[in-house]
């Protein structure tokens, strides 16, 4: 069973995503801010991270930079999951080290395709 770390400060988004992913057979762990996400990724070694970009304590761009700079976590795929859908936001997320990018509100079938691509 693949483990997915959801880094998301919005409780409704965390709840919805975690329940849908668990129903698809994934183990889910969660963090509510960027620093907790970095700490959780180091402790839990997830197979993939869903990273909100607008987070308290440390934003998702910085959290992703930390993950990609650390030997222990650099190979974990990170999918930016964000309401930042302005021109240039996807490029900014990819430059921070995200492997992919998806927008909110979440299109679950599209997100699931991306998750399965990275876990294949």
PDB file of N, CA and C in Angstrom:
ATOM      1  N   UNK A   1       0.845  -1.183   0.000  1.00  0.00           N
ATOM      2  CA  UNK A   1       0.000   0.000   0.000  1.00  0.00           C
ATOM      3  C   UNK A   1       0.889   1.244   0.000  1.00  0.00           C
ATOM      4  N   UNK A   2       0.656   2.145  -0.928  1.00  0.00           N
ATOM      5  CA  UNK A   2       1.440   3.373  -1.021  1.00  0.00           C
ATOM      6  C   UNK A   2       0.972   4.383   0.019  1.00  0.00           C
ATOM      7  N   UNK A   3       1.954   5.110   0.549  1.00  0.00           N
ATOM      8  CA  UNK A   3       1.668   6.120   1.571  1.00  0.00           C
ATOM      9  C   UNK A   3       1.758   7.513   0.951  1.00  0.00           C
ATOM     10  N   UNK A   4       0.712   8.312   1.165  1.00  0.00           N
ATOM     11  CA  UNK A   4       0.666   9.676   0.647  1.00  0.00           C
ATOM     12  C   UNK A   4       0.601  10.649   1.813  1.00  0.00           C
ATOM     13  N   UNK A   5       1.478  11.641   1.770  1.00  0.00           N
ATOM     14  CA  UNK A   5       1.462  12.730   2.750  1.00  0.00           C
ATOM     15  C   UNK A   5       0.695  13.896   2.150  1.00  0.00           C
ATOM     16  N   UNK A   6      -0.363  14.321   2.843  1.00  0.00           N
ATOM     17  CA  UNK A   6      -1.123  15.508   2.450  1.00  0.00           C
ATOM     18  C   UNK A   6      -0.661  16.656   3.347  1.00  0.00           C
ATOM     19  N   UNK A   7      -0.119  17.702   2.745  1.00  0.00           N
ATOM     20  CA  UNK A   7       0.275  18.903   3.490  1.00  0.00           C
ATOM     21  C   UNK A   7      -0.737  19.980   3.107  1.00  0.00           C
ATOM     22  N   UNK A   8      -1.663  20.245   4.011  1.00  0.00           N
ATOM     23  CA  UNK A   8      -2.820  21.094   3.716  1.00  0.00           C
ATOM     24  C   UNK A   8      -3.329  21.711   5.007  1.00  0.00           C
ATOM     25  N   UNK A   9      -3.500  23.033   5.023  1.00  0.00           N
ATOM     26  CA  UNK A   9      -3.956  23.703   6.244  1.00  0.00           C
ATOM     27  C   UNK A   9      -5.478  23.771   6.359  1.00  0.00           C
ATOM     28  N   UNK A  10      -6.196  23.534   5.265  1.00  0.00           N
ATOM     29  CA  UNK A  10      -7.654  23.607   5.297  1.00  0.00           C
ATOM     30  C   UNK A  10      -8.222  22.248   5.702  1.00  0.00           C
ATOM     31  N   UNK A  11      -8.940  22.229   6.827  1.00  0.00           N
ATOM     32  CA  UNK A  11      -9.432  20.970   7.380  1.00  0.00           C
ATOM     33  C   UNK A  11     -10.392  20.249   6.429  1.00  0.00           C
ATOM     34  N   UNK A  12     -11.279  20.995   5.773  1.00  0.00           N
ATOM     35  CA  UNK A  12     -12.223  20.356   4.845  1.00  0.00           C
ATOM     36  C   UNK A  12     -11.489  19.711   3.667  1.00  0.00           C
ATOM     37  N   UNK A  13     -10.488  20.393   3.137  1.00  0.00           N
ATOM     38  CA  UNK A  13      -9.705  19.820   2.037  1.00  0.00           C
ATOM     39  C   UNK A  13      -8.955  18.569   2.482  1.00  0.00           C
ATOM     40  N   UNK A  14      -8.338  18.624   3.670  1.00  0.00           N
ATOM     41  CA  UNK A  14      -7.622  17.459   4.209  1.00  0.00           C
ATOM     42  C   UNK A  14      -8.571  16.281   4.362  1.00  0.00           C
ATOM     43  N   UNK A  15      -9.736  16.542   4.954  1.00  0.00           N
ATOM     44  CA  UNK A  15     -10.700  15.480   5.216  1.00  0.00           C
ATOM     45  C   UNK A  15     -11.194  14.849   3.914  1.00  0.00           C
ATOM     46  N   UNK A  16     -11.582  15.685   2.952  1.00  0.00           N
ATOM     47  CA  UNK A  16     -12.097  15.186   1.685  1.00  0.00           C
ATOM     48  C   UNK A  16     -11.035  14.363   0.946  1.00  0.00           C
ATOM     49  N   UNK A  17      -9.838  14.910   0.832  1.00  0.00           N
ATOM     50  CA  UNK A  17      -8.779  14.207   0.113  1.00  0.00           C
ATOM     51  C   UNK A  17      -8.383  12.910   0.803  1.00  0.00           C
ATOM     52  N   UNK A  18      -8.221  12.962   2.119  1.00  0.00           N
ATOM     53  CA  UNK A  18      -7.772  11.770   2.836  1.00  0.00           C
ATOM     54  C   UNK A  18      -8.806  10.649   2.728  1.00  0.00           C
ATOM     55  N   UNK A  19     -10.092  10.973   2.869  1.00  0.00           N
ATOM     56  CA  UNK A  19     -11.121   9.935   2.772  1.00  0.00           C
ATOM     57  C   UNK A  19     -11.162   9.328   1.362  1.00  0.00           C
ATOM     58  N   UNK A  20     -11.075  10.160   0.353  1.00  0.00           N
ATOM     59  CA  UNK A  20     -11.134   9.641  -1.027  1.00  0.00           C
ATOM     60  C   UNK A  20      -9.901   8.794  -1.351  1.00  0.00           C
ATOM     61  N   UNK A  21      -8.731   9.220  -0.888  1.00  0.00           N
ATOM     62  CA  UNK A  21      -7.511   8.445  -1.138  1.00  0.00           C
ATOM     63  C   UNK A  21      -7.525   7.125  -0.367  1.00  0.00           C
ATOM     64  N   UNK A  22      -8.009   7.149   0.870  1.00  0.00           N
ATOM     65  CA  UNK A  22      -8.096   5.914   1.654  1.00  0.00           C
ATOM     66  C   UNK A  22      -9.046   4.916   0.992  1.00  0.00           C
ATOM     67  N   UNK A  23     -10.142   5.415   0.437  1.00  0.00           N
ATOM     68  CA  UNK A  23     -11.076   4.530  -0.274  1.00  0.00           C
ATOM     69  C   UNK A  23     -10.423   3.896  -1.501  1.00  0.00           C
ATOM     70  N   UNK A  24      -9.425   4.567  -2.066  1.00  0.00           N
ATOM     71  CA  UNK A  24      -8.689   4.026  -3.217  1.00  0.00           C
ATOM     72  C   UNK A  24      -7.547   3.112  -2.776  1.00  0.00           C
ATOM     73  N   UNK A  25      -7.400   2.905  -1.461  1.00  0.00           N
ATOM     74  CA  UNK A  25      -6.415   1.954  -0.962  1.00  0.00           C
ATOM     75  C   UNK A  25      -5.087   2.545  -0.524  1.00  0.00           C
ATOM     76  N   UNK A  26      -4.990   3.868  -0.457  1.00  0.00           N
ATOM     77  CA  UNK A  26      -3.743   4.501  -0.031  1.00  0.00           C
ATOM     78  C   UNK A  26      -3.726   4.672   1.482  1.00  0.00           C
ATOM     79  N   UNK A  27      -2.544   4.581   2.058  1.00  0.00           N
ATOM     80  CA  UNK A  27      -2.345   4.988   3.448  1.00  0.00           C
ATOM     81  C   UNK A  27      -2.102   6.492   3.402  1.00  0.00           C
ATOM     82  N   UNK A  28      -2.734   7.240   4.300  1.00  0.00           N
ATOM     83  CA  UNK A  28      -2.630   8.698   4.276  1.00  0.00           C
ATOM     84  C   UNK A  28      -2.107   9.209   5.609  1.00  0.00           C
ATOM     85  N   UNK A  29      -1.113  10.094   5.549  1.00  0.00           N
ATOM     86  CA  UNK A  29      -0.648  10.848   6.711  1.00  0.00           C
ATOM     87  C   UNK A  29      -0.792  12.321   6.358  1.00  0.00           C
ATOM     88  N   UNK A  30      -0.937  13.167   7.388  1.00  0.00           N
ATOM     89  CA  UNK A  30      -1.243  14.574   7.118  1.00  0.00           C
ATOM     90  C   UNK A  30      -0.397  15.514   7.969  1.00  0.00           C
ATOM     91  N   UNK A  31      -0.194  16.702   7.409  1.00  0.00           N
ATOM     92  CA  UNK A  31       0.460  17.797   8.108  1.00  0.00           C
ATOM     93  C   UNK A  31      -0.312  19.068   7.796  1.00  0.00           C
ATOM     94  N   UNK A  32      -0.330  20.006   8.753  1.00  0.00           N
ATOM     95  CA  UNK A  32      -1.169  21.201   8.609  1.00  0.00           C
ATOM     96  C   UNK A  32      -0.390  22.462   8.245  1.00  0.00           C
ATOM     97  N   UNK A  33       0.937  22.379   8.172  1.00  0.00           N
ATOM     98  CA  UNK A  33       1.740  23.525   7.732  1.00  0.00           C
ATOM     99  C   UNK A  33       3.010  23.006   7.071  1.00  0.00           C
ATOM    100  N   UNK A  34       3.738  23.912   6.434  1.00  0.00           N
ATOM    101  CA  UNK A  34       4.914  23.506   5.674  1.00  0.00           C
ATOM    102  C   UNK A  34       6.011  22.877   6.506  1.00  0.00           C
ATOM    103  N   UNK A  35       6.283  23.440   7.685  1.00  0.00           N
ATOM    104  CA  UNK A  35       7.332  22.862   8.533  1.00  0.00           C
ATOM    105  C   UNK A  35       6.943  21.469   8.999  1.00  0.00           C
ATOM    106  N   UNK A  36       5.675  21.306   9.397  1.00  0.00           N
ATOM    107  CA  UNK A  36       5.197  19.985   9.809  1.00  0.00           C
ATOM    108  C   UNK A  36       5.261  19.007   8.635  1.00  0.00           C
ATOM    109  N   UNK A  37       5.023  19.507   7.426  1.00  0.00           N
ATOM    110  CA  UNK A  37       5.116  18.661   6.240  1.00  0.00           C
ATOM    111  C   UNK A  37       6.525  18.154   6.005  1.00  0.00           C
ATOM    112  N   UNK A  38       7.512  19.034   6.157  1.00  0.00           N
ATOM    113  CA  UNK A  38       8.912  18.631   6.010  1.00  0.00           C
ATOM    114  C   UNK A  38       9.263  17.600   7.080  1.00  0.00           C
ATOM    115  N   UNK A  39       8.862  17.877   8.325  1.00  0.00           N
ATOM    116  CA  UNK A  39       9.148  16.958   9.428  1.00  0.00           C
ATOM    117  C   UNK A  39       8.480  15.603   9.209  1.00  0.00           C
ATOM    118  N   UNK A  40       7.227  15.634   8.763  1.00  0.00           N
ATOM    119  CA  UNK A  40       6.469  14.400   8.549  1.00  0.00           C
ATOM    120  C   UNK A  40       7.058  13.600   7.388  1.00  0.00           C
ATOM    121  N   UNK A  41       7.474  14.273   6.330  1.00  0.00           N
ATOM    122  CA  UNK A  41       8.089  13.576   5.194  1.00  0.00           C
ATOM    123  C   UNK A  41       9.369  12.868   5.626  1.00  0.00           C
ATOM    124  N   UNK A  42      10.139  13.515   6.482  1.00  0.00           N
ATOM    125  CA  UNK A  42      11.377  12.921   6.975  1.00  0.00           C
ATOM    126  C   UNK A  42      11.079  11.718   7.870  1.00  0.00           C
ATOM    127  N   UNK A  43      10.089  11.845   8.729  1.00  0.00           N
ATOM    128  CA  UNK A  43       9.754  10.783   9.688  1.00  0.00           C
ATOM    129  C   UNK A  43       9.019   9.605   9.048  1.00  0.00           C
ATOM    130  N   UNK A  44       8.128   9.902   8.096  1.00  0.00           N
ATOM    131  CA  UNK A  44       7.232   8.879   7.559  1.00  0.00           C
ATOM    132  C   UNK A  44       7.673   8.274   6.229  1.00  0.00           C
ATOM    133  N   UNK A  45       8.599   8.922   5.528  1.00  0.00           N
ATOM    134  CA  UNK A  45       9.042   8.463   4.193  1.00  0.00           C
ATOM    135  C   UNK A  45       7.866   8.089   3.290  1.00  0.00           C
ATOM    136  N   UNK A  46       6.983   9.050   2.997  1.00  0.00           N
ATOM    137  CA  UNK A  46       5.849   8.728   2.125  1.00  0.00           C
ATOM    138  C   UNK A  46       6.324   8.441   0.701  1.00  0.00           C
ATOM    139  N   UNK A  47       5.437   7.813  -0.062  1.00  0.00           N
ATOM    140  CA  UNK A  47       5.750   7.521  -1.460  1.00  0.00           C
ATOM    141  C   UNK A  47       5.480   8.726  -2.354  1.00  0.00           C
ATOM    142  N   UNK A  48       4.658   9.670  -1.857  1.00  0.00           N
ATOM    143  CA  UNK A  48       4.292  10.852  -2.627  1.00  0.00           C
ATOM    144  C   UNK A  48       3.772  11.915  -1.662  1.00  0.00           C
ATOM    145  N   UNK A  49       3.978  13.185  -2.018  1.00  0.00           N
ATOM    146  CA  UNK A  49       3.482  14.301  -1.215  1.00  0.00           C
ATOM    147  C   UNK A  49       2.540  15.147  -2.056  1.00  0.00           C
ATOM    148  N   UNK A  50       1.363  15.454  -1.489  1.00  0.00           N
ATOM    149  CA  UNK A  50       0.456  16.448  -2.065  1.00  0.00           C
ATOM    150  C   UNK A  50       0.666  17.716  -1.262  1.00  0.00           C
ATOM    151  N   UNK A  51       1.218  18.752  -1.881  1.00  0.00           N
ATOM    152  CA  UNK A  51       1.667  19.949  -1.176  1.00  0.00           C
ATOM    153  C   UNK A  51       0.835  21.169  -1.542  1.00  0.00           C
ATOM    154  N   UNK A  52       0.056  21.654  -0.574  1.00  0.00           N
ATOM    155  CA  UNK A  52      -0.579  22.960  -0.750  1.00  0.00           C
ATOM    156  C   UNK A  52       0.555  23.985  -0.787  1.00  0.00           C
ATOM    157  N   UNK A  53       0.371  25.084  -1.486  1.00  0.00           N
ATOM    158  CA  UNK A  53       1.441  26.079  -1.566  1.00  0.00           C
ATOM    159  C   UNK A  53       1.249  27.234  -0.589  1.00  0.00           C
ATOM    160  N   UNK A  54      -0.002  27.562  -0.279  1.00  0.00           N
ATOM    161  CA  UNK A  54      -0.284  28.640   0.678  1.00  0.00           C
ATOM    162  C   UNK A  54      -0.488  28.030   2.054  1.00  0.00           C
ATOM    163  N   UNK A  55       0.601  27.942   2.800  1.00  0.00           N
ATOM    164  CA  UNK A  55       0.580  27.290   4.108  1.00  0.00           C
ATOM    165  C   UNK A  55       1.132  28.217   5.177  1.00  0.00           C
ATOM    166  N   UNK A  56       0.679  28.046   6.422  1.00  0.00           N
ATOM    167  CA  UNK A  56       1.274  28.807   7.513  1.00  0.00           C
ATOM    168  C   UNK A  56       2.653  28.236   7.893  1.00  0.00           C
ATOM    169  N   UNK A  57       3.378  28.958   8.706  1.00  0.00           N
ATOM    170  CA  UNK A  57       4.700  28.627   9.253  1.00  0.00           C
ATOM    171  C   UNK A  57       5.758  28.640   8.147  1.00  0.00           C
ATOM    172  N   UNK A  58       5.619  27.755   7.150  1.00  0.00           N
ATOM    173  CA  UNK A  58       6.515  27.710   5.995  1.00  0.00           C
ATOM    174  C   UNK A  58       5.632  27.401   4.790  1.00  0.00           C
ATOM    175  N   UNK A  59       5.704  28.227   3.741  1.00  0.00           N
ATOM    176  CA  UNK A  59       4.826  27.980   2.590  1.00  0.00           C
ATOM    177  C   UNK A  59       5.276  26.732   1.831  1.00  0.00           C
ATOM    178  N   UNK A  60       4.415  26.274   0.948  1.00  0.00           N
ATOM    179  CA  UNK A  60       4.677  25.038   0.218  1.00  0.00           C
ATOM    180  C   UNK A  60       5.853  25.107  -0.726  1.00  0.00           C
ATOM    181  N   UNK A  61       6.121  26.300  -1.267  1.00  0.00           N
ATOM    182  CA  UNK A  61       7.302  26.438  -2.134  1.00  0.00           C
ATOM    183  C   UNK A  61       8.568  26.169  -1.324  1.00  0.00           C
ATOM    184  N   UNK A  62       8.664  26.806  -0.156  1.00  0.00           N
ATOM    185  CA  UNK A  62       9.853  26.637   0.691  1.00  0.00           C
ATOM    186  C   UNK A  62       9.943  25.212   1.239  1.00  0.00           C
ATOM    187  N   UNK A  63       8.805  24.647   1.636  1.00  0.00           N
ATOM    188  CA  UNK A  63       8.797  23.268   2.139  1.00  0.00           C
ATOM    189  C   UNK A  63       9.299  22.309   1.055  1.00  0.00           C
ATOM    190  N   UNK A  64       8.870  22.525  -0.179  1.00  0.00           N
ATOM    191  CA  UNK A  64       9.320  21.673  -1.287  1.00  0.00           C
ATOM    192  C   UNK A  64      10.820  21.833  -1.504  1.00  0.00           C
ATOM    193  N   UNK A  65      11.314  23.072  -1.435  1.00  0.00           N
ATOM    194  CA  UNK A  65      12.773  23.286  -1.579  1.00  0.00           C
ATOM    195  C   UNK A  65      13.532  22.496  -0.513  1.00  0.00           C
ATOM    196  N   UNK A  66      13.021  22.512   0.731  1.00  0.00           N
ATOM    197  CA  UNK A  66      13.666  21.754   1.816  1.00  0.00           C
ATOM    198  C   UNK A  66      13.664  20.258   1.509  1.00  0.00           C
ATOM    199  N   UNK A  67      12.515  19.732   1.047  1.00  0.00           N
ATOM    200  CA  UNK A  67      12.420  18.303   0.737  1.00  0.00           C
ATOM    201  C   UNK A  67      13.393  17.920  -0.365  1.00  0.00           C
ATOM    202  N   UNK A  68      13.491  18.741  -1.409  1.00  0.00           N
ATOM    203  CA  UNK A  68      14.338  18.415  -2.550  1.00  0.00           C
ATOM    204  C   UNK A  68      15.822  18.617  -2.250  1.00  0.00           C
ATOM    205  N   UNK A  69      16.133  19.397  -1.208  1.00  0.00           N
ATOM    206  CA  UNK A  69      17.530  19.623  -0.835  1.00  0.00           C
ATOM    207  C   UNK A  69      18.059  18.536   0.104  1.00  0.00           C
ATOM    208  N   UNK A  70      17.161  17.742   0.675  1.00  0.00           N
ATOM    209  CA  UNK A  70      17.544  16.730   1.661  1.00  0.00           C
ATOM    210  C   UNK A  70      17.699  15.372   0.973  1.00  0.00           C
ATOM    211  N   UNK A  71      18.839  14.755   1.170  1.00  0.00           N
ATOM    212  CA  UNK A  71      19.129  13.444   0.581  1.00  0.00           C
ATOM    213  C   UNK A  71      18.036  12.419   0.907  1.00  0.00           C
ATOM    214  N   UNK A  72      17.483  12.487   2.113  1.00  0.00           N
ATOM    215  CA  UNK A  72      16.491  11.496   2.563  1.00  0.00           C
ATOM    216  C   UNK A  72      15.136  11.653   1.883  1.00  0.00           C
ATOM    217  N   UNK A  73      14.817  12.862   1.393  1.00  0.00           N
ATOM    218  CA  UNK A  73      13.473  13.101   0.856  1.00  0.00           C
ATOM    219  C   UNK A  73      13.463  13.588  -0.595  1.00  0.00           C
ATOM    220  N   UNK A  74      14.632  13.795  -1.188  1.00  0.00           N
ATOM    221  CA  UNK A  74      14.667  14.442  -2.508  1.00  0.00           C
ATOM    222  C   UNK A  74      13.998  13.630  -3.610  1.00  0.00           C
ATOM    223  N   UNK A  75      13.912  12.313  -3.470  1.00  0.00           N
ATOM    224  CA  UNK A  75      13.324  11.489  -4.528  1.00  0.00           C
ATOM    225  C   UNK A  75      11.827  11.246  -4.356  1.00  0.00           C
ATOM    226  N   UNK A  76      11.226  11.817  -3.327  1.00  0.00           N
ATOM    227  CA  UNK A  76       9.784  11.675  -3.131  1.00  0.00           C
ATOM    228  C   UNK A  76       9.085  12.642  -4.091  1.00  0.00           C
ATOM    229  N   UNK A  77       8.198  12.133  -4.957  1.00  0.00           N
ATOM    230  CA  UNK A  77       7.474  13.040  -5.853  1.00  0.00           C
ATOM    231  C   UNK A  77       6.580  13.994  -5.060  1.00  0.00           C
ATOM    232  N   UNK A  78       6.582  15.258  -5.461  1.00  0.00           N
ATOM    233  CA  UNK A  78       5.743  16.278  -4.833  1.00  0.00           C
ATOM    234  C   UNK A  78       4.810  16.849  -5.892  1.00  0.00           C
ATOM    235  N   UNK A  79       3.509  16.751  -5.627  1.00  0.00           N
ATOM    236  CA  UNK A  79       2.515  17.368  -6.503  1.00  0.00           C
ATOM    237  C   UNK A  79       1.974  18.597  -5.784  1.00  0.00           C
ATOM    238  N   UNK A  80       2.206  19.778  -6.377  1.00  0.00           N
ATOM    239  CA  UNK A  80       1.633  21.009  -5.830  1.00  0.00           C
ATOM    240  C   UNK A  80       0.131  20.955  -6.053  1.00  0.00           C
ATOM    241  N   UNK A  81      -0.605  21.244  -5.003  1.00  0.00           N
ATOM    242  CA  UNK A  81      -2.066  21.212  -5.079  1.00  0.00           C
ATOM    243  C   UNK A  81      -2.534  22.545  -4.525  1.00  0.00           C
ATOM    244  N   UNK A  82      -2.972  23.425  -5.424  1.00  0.00           N
ATOM    245  CA  UNK A  82      -3.148  24.799  -4.977  1.00  0.00           C
ATOM    246  C   UNK A  82      -4.247  25.549  -5.709  1.00  0.00           C
ATOM    247  N   UNK A  83      -4.734  26.573  -5.060  1.00  0.00           N
ATOM    248  CA  UNK A  83      -5.685  27.491  -5.687  1.00  0.00           C
ATOM    249  C   UNK A  83      -4.931  28.539  -6.511  1.00  0.00           C
ATOM    250  N   UNK A  84      -3.592  28.550  -6.420  1.00  0.00           N
ATOM    251  CA  UNK A  84      -2.777  29.474  -7.222  1.00  0.00           C
ATOM    252  C   UNK A  84      -2.819  29.006  -8.669  1.00  0.00           C
ATOM    253  N   UNK A  85      -3.686  29.604  -9.436  1.00  0.00           N
ATOM    254  CA  UNK A  85      -3.852  29.173 -10.825  1.00  0.00           C
ATOM    255  C   UNK A  85      -3.623  30.325 -11.794  1.00  0.00           C
ATOM    256  N   UNK A  86      -2.857  31.306 -11.358  1.00  0.00           N
ATOM    257  CA  UNK A  86      -2.540  32.439 -12.214  1.00  0.00           C
ATOM    258  C   UNK A  86      -1.399  32.050 -13.157  1.00  0.00           C
ATOM    259  N   UNK A  87      -1.273  32.785 -14.245  1.00  0.00           N
ATOM    260  CA  UNK A  87      -0.187  32.527 -15.186  1.00  0.00           C
ATOM    261  C   UNK A  87       1.141  32.629 -14.453  1.00  0.00           C
ATOM    262  N   UNK A  88       1.980  31.637 -14.629  1.00  0.00           N
ATOM    263  CA  UNK A  88       3.292  31.627 -13.991  1.00  0.00           C
ATOM    264  C   UNK A  88       3.344  30.822 -12.707  1.00  0.00           C
ATOM    265  N   UNK A  89       2.189  30.542 -12.085  1.00  0.00           N
ATOM    266  CA  UNK A  89       2.190  29.809 -10.814  1.00  0.00           C
ATOM    267  C   UNK A  89       2.680  28.372 -10.982  1.00  0.00           C
ATOM    268  N   UNK A  90       2.265  27.721 -12.070  1.00  0.00           N
ATOM    269  CA  UNK A  90       2.729  26.350 -12.297  1.00  0.00           C
ATOM    270  C   UNK A  90       4.243  26.339 -12.467  1.00  0.00           C
ATOM    271  N   UNK A  91       4.778  27.278 -13.252  1.00  0.00           N
ATOM    272  CA  UNK A  91       6.222  27.344 -13.467  1.00  0.00           C
ATOM    273  C   UNK A  91       6.957  27.604 -12.148  1.00  0.00           C
ATOM    274  N   UNK A  92       6.399  28.472 -11.322  1.00  0.00           N
ATOM    275  CA  UNK A  92       7.008  28.778 -10.021  1.00  0.00           C
ATOM    276  C   UNK A  92       7.049  27.527  -9.141  1.00  0.00           C
ATOM    277  N   UNK A  93       5.977  26.742  -9.168  1.00  0.00           N
ATOM    278  CA  UNK A  93       5.938  25.506  -8.374  1.00  0.00           C
ATOM    279  C   UNK A  93       6.972  24.503  -8.884  1.00  0.00           C
ATOM    280  N   UNK A  94       7.090  24.373 -10.201  1.00  0.00           N
ATOM    281  CA  UNK A  94       8.061  23.445 -10.775  1.00  0.00           C
ATOM    282  C   UNK A  94       9.492  23.900 -10.474  1.00  0.00           C
ATOM    283  N   UNK A  95       9.719  25.210 -10.512  1.00  0.00           N
ATOM    284  CA  UNK A  95      11.052  25.741 -10.186  1.00  0.00           C
ATOM    285  C   UNK A  95      11.415  25.490  -8.727  1.00  0.00           C
ATOM    286  N   UNK A  96      10.412  25.448  -7.841  1.00  0.00           N
ATOM    287  CA  UNK A  96      10.661  25.172  -6.418  1.00  0.00           C
ATOM    288  C   UNK A  96      10.988  23.703  -6.190  1.00  0.00           C
ATOM    289  N   UNK A  97      10.751  22.868  -7.213  1.00  0.00           N
ATOM    290  CA  UNK A  97      11.082  21.457  -7.104  1.00  0.00           C
ATOM    291  C   UNK A  97       9.890  20.520  -7.181  1.00  0.00           C
ATOM    292  N   UNK A  98       8.687  21.065  -7.283  1.00  0.00           N
ATOM    293  CA  UNK A  98       7.512  20.200  -7.418  1.00  0.00           C
ATOM    294  C   UNK A  98       7.635  19.392  -8.708  1.00  0.00           C
ATOM    295  N   UNK A  99       7.197  18.149  -8.658  1.00  0.00           N
ATOM    296  CA  UNK A  99       7.271  17.282  -9.828  1.00  0.00           C
ATOM    297  C   UNK A  99       6.069  17.476 -10.741  1.00  0.00           C
ATOM    298  N   UNK A 100       4.968  17.967 -10.157  1.00  0.00           N
ATOM    299  CA  UNK A 100       3.756  18.185 -10.932  1.00  0.00           C
ATOM    300  C   UNK A 100       2.938  19.248 -10.207  1.00  0.00           C
ATOM    301  N   UNK A 101       1.820  19.600 -10.823  1.00  0.00           N
ATOM    302  CA  UNK A 101       1.023  20.736 -10.363  1.00  0.00           C
ATOM    303  C   UNK A 101      -0.436  20.438 -10.675  1.00  0.00           C
ATOM    304  N   UNK A 102      -1.319  20.692  -9.722  1.00  0.00           N
ATOM    305  CA  UNK A 102      -2.745  20.574  -9.977  1.00  0.00           C
ATOM    306  C   UNK A 102      -3.454  21.666  -9.186  1.00  0.00           C
ATOM    307  N   UNK A 103      -4.642  22.022  -9.656  1.00  0.00           N
ATOM    308  CA  UNK A 103      -5.348  23.152  -9.068  1.00  0.00           C
ATOM    309  C   UNK A 103      -6.540  22.716  -8.224  1.00  0.00           C
ATOM    310  N   UNK A 104      -6.917  23.612  -7.327  1.00  0.00           N
ATOM    311  CA  UNK A 104      -8.136  23.462  -6.539  1.00  0.00           C
ATOM    312  C   UNK A 104      -9.189  24.358  -7.181  1.00  0.00           C
ATOM    313  N   UNK A 105     -10.463  23.997  -7.113  1.00  0.00           N
ATOM    314  CA  UNK A 105     -10.943  22.777  -6.456  1.00  0.00           C
ATOM    315  C   UNK A 105     -10.420  21.533  -7.170  1.00  0.00           C
ATOM    316  N   UNK A 106     -10.210  20.496  -6.386  1.00  0.00           N
ATOM    317  CA  UNK A 106      -9.586  19.273  -6.875  1.00  0.00           C
ATOM    318  C   UNK A 106     -10.510  18.528  -7.836  1.00  0.00           C
ATOM    319  N   UNK A 107      -9.958  18.196  -8.998  1.00  0.00           N
ATOM    320  CA  UNK A 107     -10.599  17.258  -9.911  1.00  0.00           C
ATOM    321  C   UNK A 107      -9.980  15.911  -9.543  1.00  0.00           C
ATOM    322  N   UNK A 108     -10.722  15.106  -8.739  1.00  0.00           N
ATOM    323  CA  UNK A 108     -10.119  13.913  -8.139  1.00  0.00           C
ATOM    324  C   UNK A 108      -9.637  12.904  -9.177  1.00  0.00           C
ATOM    325  N   UNK A 109     -10.382  12.698 -10.245  1.00  0.00           N
ATOM    326  CA  UNK A 109      -9.945  11.702 -11.237  1.00  0.00           C
ATOM    327  C   UNK A 109      -8.647  12.149 -11.915  1.00  0.00           C
ATOM    328  N   UNK A 110      -8.518  13.436 -12.202  1.00  0.00           N
ATOM    329  CA  UNK A 110      -7.278  13.945 -12.811  1.00  0.00           C
ATOM    330  C   UNK A 110      -6.112  13.822 -11.818  1.00  0.00           C
ATOM    331  N   UNK A 111      -6.362  14.176 -10.543  1.00  0.00           N
ATOM    332  CA  UNK A 111      -5.318  14.061  -9.528  1.00  0.00           C
ATOM    333  C   UNK A 111      -4.899  12.605  -9.354  1.00  0.00           C
ATOM    334  N   UNK A 112      -5.861  11.702  -9.335  1.00  0.00           N
ATOM    335  CA  UNK A 112      -5.564  10.282  -9.178  1.00  0.00           C
ATOM    336  C   UNK A 112      -4.697   9.768 -10.331  1.00  0.00           C
ATOM    337  N   UNK A 113      -4.939  10.250 -11.552  1.00  0.00           N
ATOM    338  CA  UNK A 113      -4.094   9.875 -12.689  1.00  0.00           C
ATOM    339  C   UNK A 113      -2.657  10.308 -12.453  1.00  0.00           C
ATOM    340  N   UNK A 114      -2.489  11.532 -11.952  1.00  0.00           N
ATOM    341  CA  UNK A 114      -1.123  12.026 -11.689  1.00  0.00           C
ATOM    342  C   UNK A 114      -0.467  11.220 -10.576  1.00  0.00           C
ATOM    343  N   UNK A 115      -1.205  10.947  -9.512  1.00  0.00           N
ATOM    344  CA  UNK A 115      -0.659  10.151  -8.399  1.00  0.00           C
ATOM    345  C   UNK A 115      -0.204   8.787  -8.915  1.00  0.00           C
ATOM    346  N   UNK A 116      -1.069   8.132  -9.673  1.00  0.00           N
ATOM    347  CA  UNK A 116      -0.737   6.782 -10.181  1.00  0.00           C
ATOM    348  C   UNK A 116       0.455   6.812 -11.134  1.00  0.00           C
ATOM    349  N   UNK A 117       0.608   7.906 -11.892  1.00  0.00           N
ATOM    350  CA  UNK A 117       1.766   8.040 -12.786  1.00  0.00           C
ATOM    351  C   UNK A 117       3.067   8.049 -11.980  1.00  0.00           C
ATOM    352  N   UNK A 118       3.078   8.768 -10.867  1.00  0.00           N
ATOM    353  CA  UNK A 118       4.315   8.856 -10.070  1.00  0.00           C
ATOM    354  C   UNK A 118       4.566   7.627  -9.218  1.00  0.00           C
ATOM    355  N   UNK A 119       3.519   6.884  -8.911  1.00  0.00           N
ATOM    356  CA  UNK A 119       3.688   5.687  -8.079  1.00  0.00           C
ATOM    357  C   UNK A 119       3.880   4.424  -8.903  1.00  0.00           C
ATOM    358  N   UNK A 120       3.766   4.552 -10.232  1.00  0.00           N
ATOM    359  CA  UNK A 120       3.886   3.350 -11.109  1.00  0.00           C
ATOM    360  C   UNK A 120       5.290   2.778 -11.060  1.00  0.00           C
TER     361      UNK A 120
END
